[in-house]
Amino acid sequence: MTENVLTDAQLKIINATRELLNDRSVGELRMRDIAEASGLAAASVYGHFKGKDELLRALWEVEAAELAKRYEIALQTVTTGVGGMVAFGYTIFSDFTGYARSRARAVEFLMSSRSGEVAKSALAREHHQLRMLLLNSLQRTFPGIPLRRARLLADLTLAITSGIALAHLYGSNSADPDELFGQWLELLELSVNYLEG
């Protein structure tokens, strides 16, 4: 869906959907409510998106692209070495709320919908996109890092942020981003010691 440029009307619908999902679950979301929140007729919404599945996939792709863009901006200011990687890591963990919300919605839809393949494919694309950004940052800040170790750290970072998302999904809100950031830093330190040893 988002391989093509989204129209103003499609973005309006996507933004209205995002706002509605702040107060309700994916299962409670109705196309007629989206139409009303968008200020459009229901027929017009269906003219832009065939149904809720297609609309949600477009929303997740937009959110993943927004997150990737923020990471790319962070990468432009990253310096080499440990300080640069720590600064980039902090960007990731301080920005977890938006990521967690989007991922939790997708996981919820994946678990509860007959059309869960839509969420599955959106999550896979998002995971691949963010993993490549993380790999890029690690290889740029530590030119000597083995690819296997860079992949491990990138996957670990995504796993931790996904864990935060699941905590939000189930309402525990017990995941502390500062604590998780500290655990991630310990693993980064181990990798740095490995490179220097």
Protein backbone atom coordinates (compact mmCIF):
# COMPACT_ATOMS: atom_id res chain seq x y z
CA MET A 1 0.00 0.00 0.00
CA THR A 2 2.66 2.51 1.01
CA GLU A 3 4.98 1.64 -1.87
CA ASN A 4 2.95 4.32 -3.64
CA VAL A 5 2.69 7.88 -2.31
CA LEU A 6 -0.32 8.21 -0.04
CA THR A 7 -2.90 10.85 -0.95
CA ASP A 8 -3.93 13.60 1.45
CA ALA A 9 -7.24 11.81 1.99
CA GLN A 10 -5.49 8.52 2.80
CA LEU A 11 -3.20 10.26 5.30
CA LYS A 12 -6.23 11.94 6.86
CA ILE A 13 -7.89 8.53 7.28
CA ILE A 14 -4.71 6.98 8.69
CA ASN A 15 -4.25 9.81 11.19
CA ALA A 16 -7.88 9.55 12.29
CA THR A 17 -7.40 5.81 12.78
CA ARG A 18 -4.29 6.41 14.87
CA GLU A 19 -6.19 8.86 17.09
CA LEU A 20 -9.09 6.43 17.57
CA LEU A 21 -6.69 3.65 18.54
CA ASN A 22 -5.44 5.75 21.45
CA ASP A 23 -8.76 5.06 23.21
CA ARG A 24 -9.87 1.68 21.89
CA SER A 25 -8.56 -1.70 20.84
CA VAL A 26 -8.11 -2.86 17.26
CA GLY A 27 -11.14 -5.13 17.70
CA GLU A 28 -13.31 -2.17 18.71
CA LEU A 29 -12.31 -0.12 15.68
CA ARG A 30 -15.12 0.35 13.14
CA MET A 31 -14.82 1.77 9.63
CA ARG A 32 -17.86 3.99 10.18
CA ASP A 33 -16.14 5.56 13.21
CA ILE A 34 -13.02 6.14 11.12
CA ALA A 35 -15.12 7.80 8.43
CA GLU A 36 -16.77 10.07 10.99
CA ALA A 37 -13.43 10.98 12.62
CA SER A 38 -11.97 11.70 9.16
CA GLY A 39 -14.90 13.91 8.18
CA LEU A 40 -15.53 11.67 5.18
CA ALA A 41 -18.39 9.50 4.01
CA ALA A 42 -18.00 5.78 4.72
CA ALA A 43 -18.08 5.07 0.98
CA SER A 44 -15.16 7.46 0.51
CA VAL A 45 -13.09 5.63 3.13
CA TYR A 46 -13.77 2.31 1.40
CA GLY A 47 -12.75 3.97 -1.85
CA HIS A 48 -9.28 4.53 -0.39
CA PHE A 49 -8.94 1.30 1.63
CA LYS A 50 -10.76 -1.94 0.85
CA GLY A 51 -11.27 -2.65 4.53
CA LYS A 52 -9.85 -2.46 8.02
CA ASP A 53 -7.04 -4.93 7.23
CA GLU A 54 -5.66 -2.82 4.40
CA LEU A 55 -6.04 0.38 6.42
CA LEU A 56 -4.20 -1.08 9.43
CA ARG A 57 -1.39 -2.37 7.25
CA ALA A 58 -0.99 1.12 5.80
CA LEU A 59 -1.00 2.61 9.32
CA TRP A 60 1.72 0.22 10.54
CA GLU A 61 3.83 0.91 7.47
CA VAL A 62 3.50 4.66 7.99
CA GLU A 63 4.43 4.33 11.66
CA ALA A 64 7.42 2.09 10.86
CA ALA A 65 8.60 4.59 8.23
CA GLU A 66 8.25 7.45 10.73
CA LEU A 67 10.26 5.54 13.33
CA ALA A 68 12.92 4.64 10.77
CA LYS A 69 13.16 8.28 9.74
CA ARG A 70 13.75 9.35 13.34
CA TYR A 71 16.48 6.71 13.65
CA GLU A 72 18.07 7.86 10.40
CA ILE A 73 18.17 11.44 11.71
CA ALA A 74 19.76 10.15 14.92
CA LEU A 75 22.33 8.25 12.85
CA GLN A 76 23.38 11.44 11.06
CA THR A 77 24.57 12.94 14.33
CA VAL A 78 26.15 9.78 15.75
CA THR A 79 29.87 9.91 16.41
CA THR A 80 32.06 6.84 16.24
CA GLY A 81 32.86 4.68 19.23
CA VAL A 82 31.02 3.86 22.40
CA GLY A 83 29.68 7.38 22.99
CA GLY A 84 28.05 7.44 19.58
CA MET A 85 26.45 4.05 20.02
CA VAL A 86 25.17 4.93 23.49
CA ALA A 87 23.61 8.14 22.12
CA PHE A 88 21.93 6.19 19.35
CA GLY A 89 20.76 3.51 21.78
CA TYR A 90 19.26 6.15 24.04
CA THR A 91 17.32 7.53 21.08
CA ILE A 92 15.84 4.08 20.54
CA PHE A 93 14.87 3.51 24.16
CA SER A 94 13.59 7.02 24.83
CA ASP A 95 11.37 6.74 21.75
CA PHE A 96 9.90 3.38 22.76
CA THR A 97 6.39 4.61 23.57
CA GLY A 98 5.28 5.26 20.00
CA TYR A 99 6.97 2.10 18.79
CA ALA A 100 5.40 0.04 21.56
CA ARG A 101 1.92 1.37 20.84
CA SER A 102 2.16 0.52 17.15
CA ARG A 103 3.65 -2.91 17.79
CA ALA A 104 1.11 -3.76 20.46
CA ARG A 105 -1.74 -2.97 18.05
CA ALA A 106 -0.21 -5.23 15.43
CA VAL A 107 0.35 -8.08 17.91
CA GLU A 108 -3.23 -7.71 19.17
CA PHE A 109 -4.57 -7.89 15.63
CA LEU A 110 -2.31 -10.83 14.81
CA MET A 111 -3.63 -12.79 17.80
CA SER A 112 -7.31 -11.95 17.44
CA SER A 113 -8.04 -11.69 13.73
CA ARG A 114 -8.70 -14.25 11.04
CA SER A 115 -6.76 -11.85 8.82
CA GLY A 116 -3.71 -11.88 11.05
CA GLU A 117 -1.43 -12.41 8.06
CA VAL A 118 -1.79 -8.68 7.37
CA ALA A 119 -0.30 -7.87 10.77
CA LYS A 120 2.31 -10.59 10.39
CA SER A 121 3.59 -9.22 7.08
CA ALA A 122 3.57 -5.64 8.42
CA LEU A 123 5.54 -6.69 11.51
CA ALA A 124 8.05 -8.61 9.40
CA ARG A 125 8.68 -5.59 7.15
CA GLU A 126 8.98 -3.28 10.16
CA HIS A 127 11.39 -5.68 11.90
CA HIS A 128 13.59 -5.99 8.82
CA GLN A 129 13.68 -2.23 8.27
CA LEU A 130 14.64 -1.42 11.86
CA ARG A 131 17.11 -4.30 12.06
CA MET A 132 18.98 -2.96 9.02
CA LEU A 133 19.15 0.51 10.62
CA LEU A 134 20.54 -0.95 13.82
CA LEU A 135 23.10 -3.02 11.93
CA ASN A 136 24.13 0.08 10.00
CA SER A 137 24.64 2.06 13.20
CA LEU A 138 26.69 -0.69 14.84
CA GLN A 139 28.94 -1.21 11.82
CA ARG A 140 29.41 2.53 11.43
CA THR A 141 30.34 3.20 15.05
CA PHE A 142 32.41 0.01 15.44
CA PRO A 143 34.02 -0.68 12.04
CA GLY A 144 35.67 -3.84 13.37
CA ILE A 145 32.58 -5.43 14.86
CA PRO A 146 31.94 -8.96 13.54
CA LEU A 147 28.70 -9.17 11.55
CA ARG A 148 27.42 -11.97 13.77
CA ARG A 149 27.85 -9.85 16.92
CA ALA A 150 26.26 -6.81 15.26
CA ARG A 151 23.25 -8.92 14.27
CA LEU A 152 22.97 -10.26 17.80
CA LEU A 153 22.93 -6.77 19.33
CA ALA A 154 20.46 -5.50 16.73
CA ASP A 155 18.13 -8.45 17.35
CA LEU A 156 18.45 -8.03 21.09
CA THR A 157 17.53 -4.35 20.85
CA LEU A 158 14.43 -5.19 18.82
CA ALA A 159 13.52 -8.00 21.22
CA ILE A 160 13.72 -5.64 24.20
CA THR A 161 11.56 -2.99 22.53
CA SER A 162 9.08 -5.69 21.48
CA GLY A 163 8.96 -6.80 25.11
CA ILE A 164 8.03 -3.27 26.10
CA ALA A 165 5.29 -3.37 23.47
CA LEU A 166 3.84 -6.56 24.91
CA ALA A 167 3.93 -5.06 28.40
CA HIS A 168 1.87 -2.14 27.07
CA LEU A 169 -0.49 -4.50 25.27
CA TYR A 170 -1.33 -6.37 28.46
CA GLY A 171 -1.56 -3.20 30.51
CA SER A 172 1.14 -4.00 33.05
CA ASN A 173 3.24 -0.96 32.08
CA SER A 174 5.94 -2.46 34.31
CA ALA A 175 8.70 -2.24 31.71
CA ASP A 176 11.07 0.57 32.67
CA PRO A 177 12.89 1.91 29.59
CA ASP A 178 15.76 3.18 31.74
CA GLU A 179 16.26 -0.26 33.27
CA LEU A 180 16.10 -1.93 29.86
CA PHE A 181 18.48 0.65 28.46
CA GLY A 182 20.89 -0.25 31.28
CA GLN A 183 20.70 -3.94 30.37
CA TRP A 184 21.31 -3.10 26.74
CA LEU A 185 24.34 -0.98 27.75
CA GLU A 186 25.81 -3.93 29.65
CA LEU A 187 25.61 -6.05 26.51
CA LEU A 188 27.12 -3.24 24.46
CA GLU A 189 29.98 -3.05 26.96
CA LEU A 190 30.57 -6.79 26.62
CA SER A 191 30.75 -6.38 22.85
CA VAL A 192 33.18 -3.48 23.13
CA ASN A 193 35.41 -5.47 25.49
CA TYR A 194 35.28 -8.36 23.03
CA LEU A 195 36.42 -6.07 20.21
CA GLU A 196 39.21 -4.57 22.28
CA GLY A 197 40.35 -7.89 23.77
